[in-house]
N, C-alpha and C. Protein backbone atom coordinates (compact mmCIF):
# COMPACT_ATOMS: atom_id res chain seq x y z
N VAL A 1 -11.68 -31.36 -43.88
CA VAL A 1 -12.36 -32.64 -43.50
C VAL A 1 -11.46 -33.33 -42.31
N GLN A 2 -12.33 -33.87 -41.50
CA GLN A 2 -11.30 -34.68 -40.33
C GLN A 2 -11.64 -36.06 -40.51
N LEU A 3 -10.57 -36.85 -40.30
CA LEU A 3 -10.81 -38.35 -40.33
C LEU A 3 -10.48 -39.10 -39.21
N GLN A 4 -11.10 -40.07 -38.67
CA GLN A 4 -10.86 -40.91 -37.66
C GLN A 4 -11.14 -42.25 -37.95
N ALA A 5 -9.91 -43.04 -37.86
CA ALA A 5 -9.83 -44.53 -38.43
C ALA A 5 -9.97 -45.44 -37.17
N SER A 6 -10.55 -46.52 -37.27
CA SER A 6 -10.53 -47.39 -35.99
C SER A 6 -10.77 -48.84 -36.70
N GLY A 7 -10.57 -50.01 -35.92
CA GLY A 7 -10.76 -51.12 -36.31
C GLY A 7 -9.77 -52.01 -36.35
N GLY A 8 -8.51 -51.58 -36.06
CA GLY A 8 -7.35 -52.46 -36.26
C GLY A 8 -7.31 -53.46 -35.12
N GLY A 9 -6.48 -54.33 -35.09
CA GLY A 9 -6.10 -55.28 -34.15
C GLY A 9 -5.26 -56.31 -34.38
N LEU A 10 -5.10 -57.33 -33.78
CA LEU A 10 -4.23 -58.69 -33.94
C LEU A 10 -5.17 -59.86 -34.40
N VAL A 11 -5.02 -60.44 -35.53
CA VAL A 11 -5.78 -61.51 -36.06
C VAL A 11 -4.85 -62.56 -36.71
N GLN A 12 -5.08 -63.57 -36.77
CA GLN A 12 -4.40 -64.86 -37.20
C GLN A 12 -4.66 -64.75 -38.84
N ALA A 13 -3.58 -65.35 -39.53
CA ALA A 13 -3.79 -65.42 -40.86
C ALA A 13 -5.01 -66.15 -41.40
N GLY A 14 -5.66 -65.51 -42.25
CA GLY A 14 -6.87 -66.16 -42.81
C GLY A 14 -8.03 -65.41 -42.12
N GLY A 15 -7.91 -64.79 -41.06
CA GLY A 15 -8.92 -64.16 -40.52
C GLY A 15 -9.32 -62.95 -41.21
N SER A 16 -10.42 -62.08 -40.48
CA SER A 16 -10.88 -60.91 -41.13
C SER A 16 -10.90 -59.70 -40.11
N LEU A 17 -10.78 -58.53 -40.49
CA LEU A 17 -11.15 -57.36 -39.91
C LEU A 17 -11.84 -56.54 -40.59
N ARG A 18 -12.46 -55.52 -39.98
CA ARG A 18 -13.10 -54.51 -40.65
C ARG A 18 -12.67 -53.19 -40.18
N LEU A 19 -12.11 -52.32 -41.01
CA LEU A 19 -11.77 -50.98 -40.48
C LEU A 19 -12.94 -49.88 -41.05
N SER A 20 -12.91 -48.91 -40.06
CA SER A 20 -13.85 -47.76 -40.28
C SER A 20 -13.07 -46.54 -40.30
N CYS A 21 -13.55 -45.57 -41.32
CA CYS A 21 -13.09 -44.36 -41.28
C CYS A 21 -14.21 -43.25 -41.30
N ALA A 22 -14.17 -42.64 -40.18
CA ALA A 22 -15.44 -41.55 -40.11
C ALA A 22 -14.89 -40.27 -40.40
N ALA A 23 -15.80 -39.52 -41.38
CA ALA A 23 -15.29 -38.36 -41.79
C ALA A 23 -16.29 -37.34 -41.22
N SER A 24 -15.52 -36.26 -40.87
CA SER A 24 -16.44 -34.97 -40.75
C SER A 24 -16.09 -34.01 -41.30
N THR A 25 -17.10 -33.69 -42.10
CA THR A 25 -17.05 -32.52 -43.22
C THR A 25 -17.65 -31.11 -42.63
N SER A 26 -17.00 -30.08 -43.45
CA SER A 26 -17.82 -28.95 -43.04
C SER A 26 -18.21 -28.22 -44.10
N ARG A 27 -17.46 -27.58 -45.05
CA ARG A 27 -17.90 -26.88 -46.28
C ARG A 27 -18.29 -27.67 -47.26
N PHE A 28 -17.84 -29.06 -47.52
CA PHE A 28 -18.23 -29.86 -48.64
C PHE A 28 -19.02 -31.09 -48.06
N THR A 29 -19.60 -31.68 -48.91
CA THR A 29 -20.36 -33.07 -48.37
C THR A 29 -19.45 -34.20 -48.78
N PHE A 30 -19.86 -35.12 -47.86
CA PHE A 30 -19.21 -36.59 -47.91
C PHE A 30 -18.82 -37.00 -49.21
N GLU A 31 -19.78 -36.98 -50.09
CA GLU A 31 -19.92 -37.35 -51.53
C GLU A 31 -18.91 -36.53 -52.40
N ASP A 32 -18.35 -35.43 -51.95
CA ASP A 32 -17.48 -34.51 -52.67
C ASP A 32 -16.13 -35.24 -52.78
N TYR A 33 -15.85 -36.05 -51.79
CA TYR A 33 -14.36 -36.66 -51.37
C TYR A 33 -14.30 -37.94 -52.04
N VAL A 34 -13.04 -38.35 -52.34
CA VAL A 34 -12.29 -39.55 -52.53
C VAL A 34 -11.94 -39.95 -51.33
N ILE A 35 -12.35 -41.09 -50.83
CA ILE A 35 -11.86 -41.56 -49.45
C ILE A 35 -11.02 -42.80 -49.61
N GLY A 36 -9.83 -43.11 -48.91
CA GLY A 36 -9.14 -44.31 -49.15
C GLY A 36 -8.27 -44.67 -47.88
N TRP A 37 -7.74 -45.91 -48.27
CA TRP A 37 -7.11 -46.42 -47.25
C TRP A 37 -5.56 -46.69 -47.80
N PHE A 38 -4.85 -46.42 -46.85
CA PHE A 38 -3.34 -46.42 -47.27
C PHE A 38 -2.62 -47.52 -46.09
N ARG A 39 -1.57 -48.04 -46.46
CA ARG A 39 -0.84 -48.75 -45.29
C ARG A 39 0.59 -48.56 -45.46
N GLN A 40 1.23 -48.44 -44.30
CA GLN A 40 2.67 -48.50 -44.22
C GLN A 40 3.32 -49.68 -43.30
N ALA A 41 4.23 -50.42 -43.60
CA ALA A 41 4.54 -51.49 -42.94
C ALA A 41 6.20 -51.03 -42.44
N PRO A 42 6.72 -51.54 -41.65
CA PRO A 42 7.93 -51.13 -40.98
C PRO A 42 8.78 -51.31 -42.20
N GLY A 43 9.79 -50.15 -42.58
CA GLY A 43 10.83 -50.41 -43.52
C GLY A 43 10.29 -50.31 -44.81
N LYS A 44 9.15 -50.20 -45.14
CA LYS A 44 8.56 -50.24 -46.49
C LYS A 44 7.93 -48.78 -46.69
N GLU A 45 7.71 -48.48 -47.99
CA GLU A 45 6.97 -47.32 -48.49
C GLU A 45 5.46 -47.40 -48.29
N ARG A 46 4.96 -46.34 -48.19
CA ARG A 46 3.31 -46.33 -48.02
C ARG A 46 2.87 -46.72 -49.42
N GLU A 47 1.74 -47.61 -49.26
CA GLU A 47 0.95 -48.26 -50.36
C GLU A 47 -0.33 -47.74 -50.22
N GLY A 48 -1.12 -47.43 -51.46
CA GLY A 48 -2.24 -47.15 -51.58
C GLY A 48 -3.19 -48.60 -51.64
N VAL A 49 -4.11 -48.90 -50.70
CA VAL A 49 -4.87 -49.99 -50.62
C VAL A 49 -5.96 -50.13 -51.51
N SER A 50 -6.77 -49.22 -51.23
CA SER A 50 -8.24 -49.09 -51.88
C SER A 50 -9.02 -47.82 -51.59
N CYS A 51 -9.64 -47.49 -52.41
CA CYS A 51 -10.21 -46.01 -52.45
C CYS A 51 -11.64 -46.09 -52.89
N ILE A 52 -12.48 -45.21 -52.47
CA ILE A 52 -13.61 -44.99 -53.17
C ILE A 52 -14.18 -43.55 -53.20
N ARG A 53 -15.03 -43.40 -54.17
CA ARG A 53 -15.76 -42.13 -54.28
C ARG A 53 -17.28 -42.54 -54.17
N SER A 54 -17.96 -42.02 -52.97
CA SER A 54 -19.20 -42.48 -52.72
C SER A 54 -20.20 -41.99 -53.60
N GLY A 55 -20.06 -40.76 -54.13
CA GLY A 55 -20.85 -39.91 -55.02
C GLY A 55 -21.20 -40.77 -56.34
N ASP A 56 -20.40 -41.69 -56.66
CA ASP A 56 -20.54 -42.16 -57.88
C ASP A 56 -20.24 -43.77 -57.78
N GLY A 57 -19.68 -44.57 -56.59
CA GLY A 57 -19.51 -45.64 -56.31
C GLY A 57 -18.10 -46.20 -56.95
N ASN A 58 -17.50 -45.22 -57.45
CA ASN A 58 -16.34 -45.79 -58.08
C ASN A 58 -15.27 -46.13 -57.10
N THR A 59 -14.56 -47.28 -57.53
CA THR A 59 -13.63 -47.86 -56.61
C THR A 59 -12.22 -48.12 -57.10
N TYR A 60 -11.14 -48.28 -56.28
CA TYR A 60 -9.84 -48.74 -56.90
C TYR A 60 -9.34 -49.62 -55.61
N TYR A 61 -8.58 -50.76 -56.05
CA TYR A 61 -8.09 -51.62 -55.25
C TYR A 61 -6.49 -51.83 -55.76
N ALA A 62 -5.64 -51.92 -54.77
CA ALA A 62 -4.30 -52.37 -55.24
C ALA A 62 -4.28 -53.73 -55.56
N ASP A 63 -3.54 -54.30 -56.51
CA ASP A 63 -3.31 -55.59 -56.98
C ASP A 63 -3.22 -56.85 -55.75
N SER A 64 -2.59 -56.14 -54.71
CA SER A 64 -2.18 -56.87 -53.74
C SER A 64 -3.38 -57.34 -52.85
N VAL A 65 -4.45 -56.86 -53.10
CA VAL A 65 -5.73 -56.89 -52.04
C VAL A 65 -6.77 -57.44 -52.93
N LYS A 66 -6.97 -57.32 -54.19
CA LYS A 66 -8.06 -57.53 -54.94
C LYS A 66 -8.41 -59.05 -54.54
N GLY A 67 -9.86 -59.04 -54.47
CA GLY A 67 -10.42 -60.29 -54.26
C GLY A 67 -10.31 -60.67 -52.81
N ARG A 68 -9.79 -59.94 -52.00
CA ARG A 68 -9.64 -60.17 -50.47
C ARG A 68 -10.32 -58.88 -49.60
N PHE A 69 -10.09 -57.92 -49.99
CA PHE A 69 -10.55 -56.64 -49.61
C PHE A 69 -11.86 -56.12 -50.29
N THR A 70 -12.56 -55.54 -49.44
CA THR A 70 -13.83 -54.79 -50.07
C THR A 70 -14.24 -53.45 -49.50
N ILE A 71 -14.13 -52.40 -50.21
CA ILE A 71 -14.31 -51.07 -49.68
C ILE A 71 -15.70 -50.73 -49.86
N SER A 72 -16.39 -50.02 -48.95
CA SER A 72 -17.86 -49.52 -49.06
C SER A 72 -17.87 -48.30 -48.36
N SER A 73 -18.95 -47.67 -48.59
CA SER A 73 -19.32 -46.36 -47.87
C SER A 73 -20.78 -46.18 -47.58
N ASP A 74 -21.03 -45.42 -46.22
CA ASP A 74 -22.25 -45.38 -45.95
C ASP A 74 -22.55 -43.65 -45.68
N SER A 75 -23.10 -43.10 -46.79
CA SER A 75 -23.24 -41.65 -46.81
C SER A 75 -24.03 -41.13 -45.26
N ALA A 76 -24.95 -42.03 -44.96
CA ALA A 76 -25.84 -41.58 -43.84
C ALA A 76 -24.75 -41.60 -42.55
N LYS A 77 -23.74 -42.12 -42.56
CA LYS A 77 -23.08 -42.30 -41.51
C LYS A 77 -21.69 -41.43 -41.63
N ASN A 78 -21.47 -41.14 -42.92
CA ASN A 78 -20.01 -40.31 -43.37
C ASN A 78 -19.01 -41.28 -43.09
N THR A 79 -19.35 -42.62 -43.35
CA THR A 79 -18.28 -43.45 -42.86
C THR A 79 -17.88 -44.37 -44.13
N VAL A 80 -16.61 -44.61 -44.34
CA VAL A 80 -15.98 -45.69 -45.15
C VAL A 80 -15.53 -46.82 -44.51
N TYR A 81 -15.83 -48.04 -44.94
CA TYR A 81 -15.34 -49.37 -44.33
C TYR A 81 -14.40 -50.08 -45.40
N LEU A 82 -13.49 -50.84 -44.64
CA LEU A 82 -12.55 -51.79 -45.42
C LEU A 82 -12.87 -53.14 -44.86
N GLN A 83 -13.46 -53.91 -45.48
CA GLN A 83 -13.48 -55.28 -44.95
C GLN A 83 -12.51 -55.92 -45.54
N MET A 84 -11.46 -56.68 -44.62
CA MET A 84 -10.34 -57.26 -44.98
C MET A 84 -10.56 -58.77 -44.39
N ASN A 85 -10.53 -59.48 -45.79
CA ASN A 85 -10.81 -61.00 -45.73
C ASN A 85 -9.38 -61.80 -46.05
N SER A 86 -9.20 -62.96 -45.58
CA SER A 86 -8.22 -63.91 -45.97
C SER A 86 -7.03 -63.10 -45.50
N LEU A 87 -6.83 -62.60 -44.43
CA LEU A 87 -5.54 -61.71 -44.19
C LEU A 87 -4.01 -62.69 -44.25
N LYS A 88 -3.21 -61.98 -44.59
CA LYS A 88 -1.93 -62.55 -44.78
C LYS A 88 -0.92 -61.75 -43.68
N PRO A 89 0.10 -62.49 -43.16
CA PRO A 89 1.10 -61.69 -42.48
C PRO A 89 1.50 -60.35 -43.17
N GLU A 90 1.81 -60.55 -44.53
CA GLU A 90 2.31 -59.19 -45.28
C GLU A 90 1.21 -58.10 -45.18
N ASP A 91 0.06 -58.47 -44.74
CA ASP A 91 -1.00 -57.36 -44.55
C ASP A 91 -0.75 -56.44 -43.50
N THR A 92 0.15 -56.99 -42.49
CA THR A 92 0.55 -56.44 -41.40
C THR A 92 1.30 -54.65 -41.49
N ALA A 93 0.47 -53.76 -41.03
CA ALA A 93 1.00 -52.48 -41.39
C ALA A 93 0.02 -51.66 -40.35
N VAL A 94 0.37 -50.24 -40.52
CA VAL A 94 -0.53 -49.26 -39.76
C VAL A 94 -1.14 -48.73 -41.15
N TYR A 95 -2.84 -48.75 -40.97
CA TYR A 95 -3.61 -48.53 -42.03
C TYR A 95 -4.14 -46.93 -41.60
N TYR A 96 -3.92 -46.14 -42.65
CA TYR A 96 -4.27 -44.59 -42.51
C TYR A 96 -5.52 -44.50 -43.54
N CYS A 97 -6.71 -43.66 -43.03
CA CYS A 97 -7.40 -43.27 -44.16
C CYS A 97 -7.37 -41.78 -44.39
N ALA A 98 -7.55 -41.51 -45.65
CA ALA A 98 -7.31 -40.34 -46.24
C ALA A 98 -8.41 -39.84 -47.04
N ALA A 99 -8.51 -38.57 -47.37
CA ALA A 99 -9.32 -38.06 -48.23
C ALA A 99 -8.79 -36.68 -49.26
N ASP A 100 -9.53 -36.72 -50.20
CA ASP A 100 -9.10 -35.70 -51.17
C ASP A 100 -10.33 -35.25 -52.05
N ARG A 101 -10.55 -33.97 -52.51
CA ARG A 101 -11.71 -33.40 -53.18
C ARG A 101 -11.31 -33.67 -54.92
N ARG A 102 -10.03 -33.85 -55.14
CA ARG A 102 -9.68 -33.93 -56.41
C ARG A 102 -10.49 -35.33 -56.92
N THR A 103 -10.60 -35.47 -58.49
CA THR A 103 -11.15 -36.54 -58.78
C THR A 103 -10.64 -37.74 -59.53
N SER A 104 -9.36 -37.77 -59.66
CA SER A 104 -8.80 -38.82 -60.25
C SER A 104 -8.54 -40.15 -59.17
N ILE A 105 -9.46 -40.90 -58.99
CA ILE A 105 -9.39 -41.90 -57.88
C ILE A 105 -8.09 -42.90 -58.04
N HIS A 106 -7.62 -43.13 -59.24
CA HIS A 106 -6.50 -44.10 -59.20
C HIS A 106 -5.15 -43.11 -58.96
N LEU A 107 -5.16 -41.82 -59.40
CA LEU A 107 -3.84 -41.26 -59.24
C LEU A 107 -3.94 -40.90 -57.48
N LEU A 108 -5.10 -40.47 -57.13
CA LEU A 108 -5.07 -40.23 -55.61
C LEU A 108 -4.88 -41.52 -54.77
N CYS A 109 -5.16 -42.57 -55.23
CA CYS A 109 -4.91 -43.98 -54.58
C CYS A 109 -3.72 -44.29 -54.59
N TYR A 110 -2.93 -43.83 -55.60
CA TYR A 110 -1.55 -44.32 -55.92
C TYR A 110 -0.52 -43.33 -55.08
N TYR A 111 -0.76 -41.81 -55.35
CA TYR A 111 0.17 -40.86 -55.02
C TYR A 111 -0.22 -40.43 -53.61
N GLY A 112 -1.49 -40.43 -53.10
CA GLY A 112 -1.77 -39.99 -51.74
C GLY A 112 -2.71 -38.82 -51.94
N MET A 113 -3.20 -38.36 -50.58
CA MET A 113 -4.33 -37.45 -50.63
C MET A 113 -3.97 -36.20 -49.79
N ASP A 114 -4.74 -35.17 -49.82
CA ASP A 114 -4.50 -34.10 -49.08
C ASP A 114 -4.82 -34.19 -47.45
N TYR A 115 -5.71 -34.96 -47.08
CA TYR A 115 -6.21 -35.08 -45.59
C TYR A 115 -5.86 -36.39 -45.28
N TRP A 116 -5.42 -36.43 -44.01
CA TRP A 116 -5.00 -37.87 -43.41
C TRP A 116 -5.62 -37.80 -41.98
N GLY A 117 -5.96 -38.95 -41.46
CA GLY A 117 -6.27 -39.42 -40.23
C GLY A 117 -5.01 -39.97 -39.66
N LYS A 118 -5.22 -40.32 -38.22
CA LYS A 118 -4.16 -41.07 -37.62
C LYS A 118 -4.49 -42.48 -38.15
N GLY A 119 -3.39 -43.32 -37.92
CA GLY A 119 -3.32 -44.77 -38.23
C GLY A 119 -4.07 -45.78 -37.30
N THR A 120 -4.40 -46.87 -37.72
CA THR A 120 -4.74 -47.92 -36.73
C THR A 120 -3.84 -49.13 -37.32
N LEU A 121 -3.26 -49.85 -36.17
CA LEU A 121 -2.48 -50.97 -36.48
C LEU A 121 -3.18 -52.20 -36.67
N VAL A 122 -2.72 -52.80 -37.84
CA VAL A 122 -3.25 -54.07 -38.11
C VAL A 122 -2.13 -55.19 -38.07
N THR A 123 -2.31 -56.20 -37.43
CA THR A 123 -1.14 -57.30 -37.09
C THR A 123 -1.78 -58.57 -37.39
N VAL A 124 -1.09 -59.09 -38.54
CA VAL A 124 -1.68 -60.47 -38.74
C VAL A 124 -0.49 -61.63 -38.41
N SER A 125 -0.76 -62.48 -37.45
CA SER A 125 0.05 -63.35 -37.32
C SER A 125 0.08 -64.73 -38.01
N SER A 126 1.08 -65.33 -38.19
CA SER A 126 1.08 -66.48 -39.11
C SER A 126 1.00 -67.83 -38.25
């Protein structure tokens, strides 16, 4: 699977952004994958932000983004979205989308996945 992330940018604190992750699958279908968003800020470890398995709608959110971020998927477009509201300066990071065919969404979203796209930078100014 190949992943293309987009939608990053500069936004003021309290603002919103929507990230998109377009997946190109060959052997397996979009619904076979858990797709998620991870982020890494300068000097910090990578963090799993939110993940979704479109086949059954199962989702995972990190505590730091619960109530502010919403993940969704569009199987017709093979695309996963991350709607980010009430953004804070501490949300500033490079955001990566990733995919995996294994099934444990919580473990995948915590430890990482097999396939990665290039990142998109989100900068939240105070």
